[in-house]
Structures are given as C-alpha cells and as structure tokens.
Amino acid sequence: MARSAKANKDAIAMKEEEVKATRKALYSKRETIGNLVHNTVPIRNNEDDNAIIRSWGEKRSEKNLKSHVDLVELLGIADLKKGANVAGGRGYYLKGDGVLLNQALICFALNFMAGRDYALVQPPFFMKKKIMAKCAQFAQFDEELYKVSGEGDDKYIIATAEQPLCAYHKDDWIHPSELPIRYAGFSTCFRKEAGSHGRDTRGIFRVHRFEKVEQFCVTSPEGTDSGDMFEQIVNGGICDNKI
C-alpha cells in the first residue's frame, strides 16, 4: 500500500509538471495571436506604401524649413546633448517654455476629452507581470517594456496608459446599460525602443520617456458598436489636431 501511494504521488507530480509545461507552451502560442483586422483595412507591404485614408490642411513646401531638432535648440526649450550625457541615448531635458508647452498640451487634451464625455484617469505607472501579459503583446516584454525587480515581485513599467486602462475592469461584470465607457488616460510612458524602431529618428521623437493622453473605450461586441466607437476616437483625434 505504501509503495502504491508513493508511486501514485510521484505519478501525480510528474503529470502536474507536464500540465505546467503544456500550459506554458499554450499561453506562449496564444500571446502571439493578434486582433482580427477589419475587412476595410488596406493591406500594404511596409510603411512607405501605406494608404492615405484622410487628410486635411496644406503641406508647407518652403525651402529651408527648420526641423524640430533645430527649433528646440534655437528656442532653448530642450537640451538633447545634456540629456544624452546623463540618461544615455534619447535622453533629454525640457526647459523653460518647453516645460510650459508640454503641460499646456496635456491640459488642452484632457479638457478637450472631458468635454466629449470622457472620464479622466491617471493610472499607475507599473503593473504586475501576469496582468501586463494580458494587456501587452509578448514581443513587447523584451523590445519595449522596462522591468523593476525587488522582493521577488517583478513589475513592468507601462509603455502607454492603454495597458493599465485595459486592466482596470479585470474580472468586472459590466451591464450593457453601462456601455460605452470612455476614458482619457494621462500618464508618463516608458519605452526601451529596442530593435530597429526609431533607429533613425532624431530629436525628441521615439524617446524612452514621454507624457501622453490616451483615448480608451469599452463597447459592446454586438453589431457595429465597436466600429462606430473607433470612428469617434479617430474623429476626436483629428479634431484635437485641427484645433
């Protein structure tokens, strides 16, 4: 009897390890599956071949227009050299009117979204690994996300307010009458920008830290609710930029 009990215990332990390995492999495969693309989305080979869906205004074509890299230096609103010396590549200091401009844009965007019935949210800057794994693509963990370790509890620093907003209603039951839910999330964002992303980008684009206001909405999966809300989000962003 004792031998049989021990054999059964060992067999159970072995099967539990097999289940654990199988579950890990399953989750790894599942995490590579993206969202379904709407049938109206144009398919292109690369960014250079992207289709223009809509546009507005006129592109200035004068000669000798200065880039933002030159302008921030001339206006003294950012210091890229000292930022790189202190923080490494793509580090920067905002200075003087650069700080005020950044804050003004944030306040403008938040006020604009509040006027469109979006609830303002400032989320946490880091998330548990198991929660982040449900809100970010698997490839982002190595190429984009910073990790903070300590006390045996790893946390991942957010790359966008979208990630903690996605987790906000985790395990919640939402009645259809409560939908749609609209959030305007404001956060500092942190990105490694590893790999080739932004490799040839200069100035304060594709940097490791920046502030952003994000539109995030929850809708019913029924009918055209999701597509209609997507159009509202896009149009809201266009109106924001037009102003």
Foldseek 3Di string as FASTA:
>chain_A
DVVVVVVVVVVVVVVVVVVVVVVVVVLLVVLQDDDDDDPVADDDDDPVGHDDPDDDDDDDDDPPDDDVQVVCVVVVQKDQVVLCVVPNPQGIDGDDVNVVVQVVLVVLLVVLVVVVVAAEDEDDQKAFPVLLSVQDRPVCVPFWWDWDDDPNTIIIGAQDPSSVVVCVCPPHDDDQVPPKHKHWYKYKGATPNPDPRCVVPDDNPPGGIDIDIDIDIDHDPDDCTVVVVVVVRVVSVVVSVVD
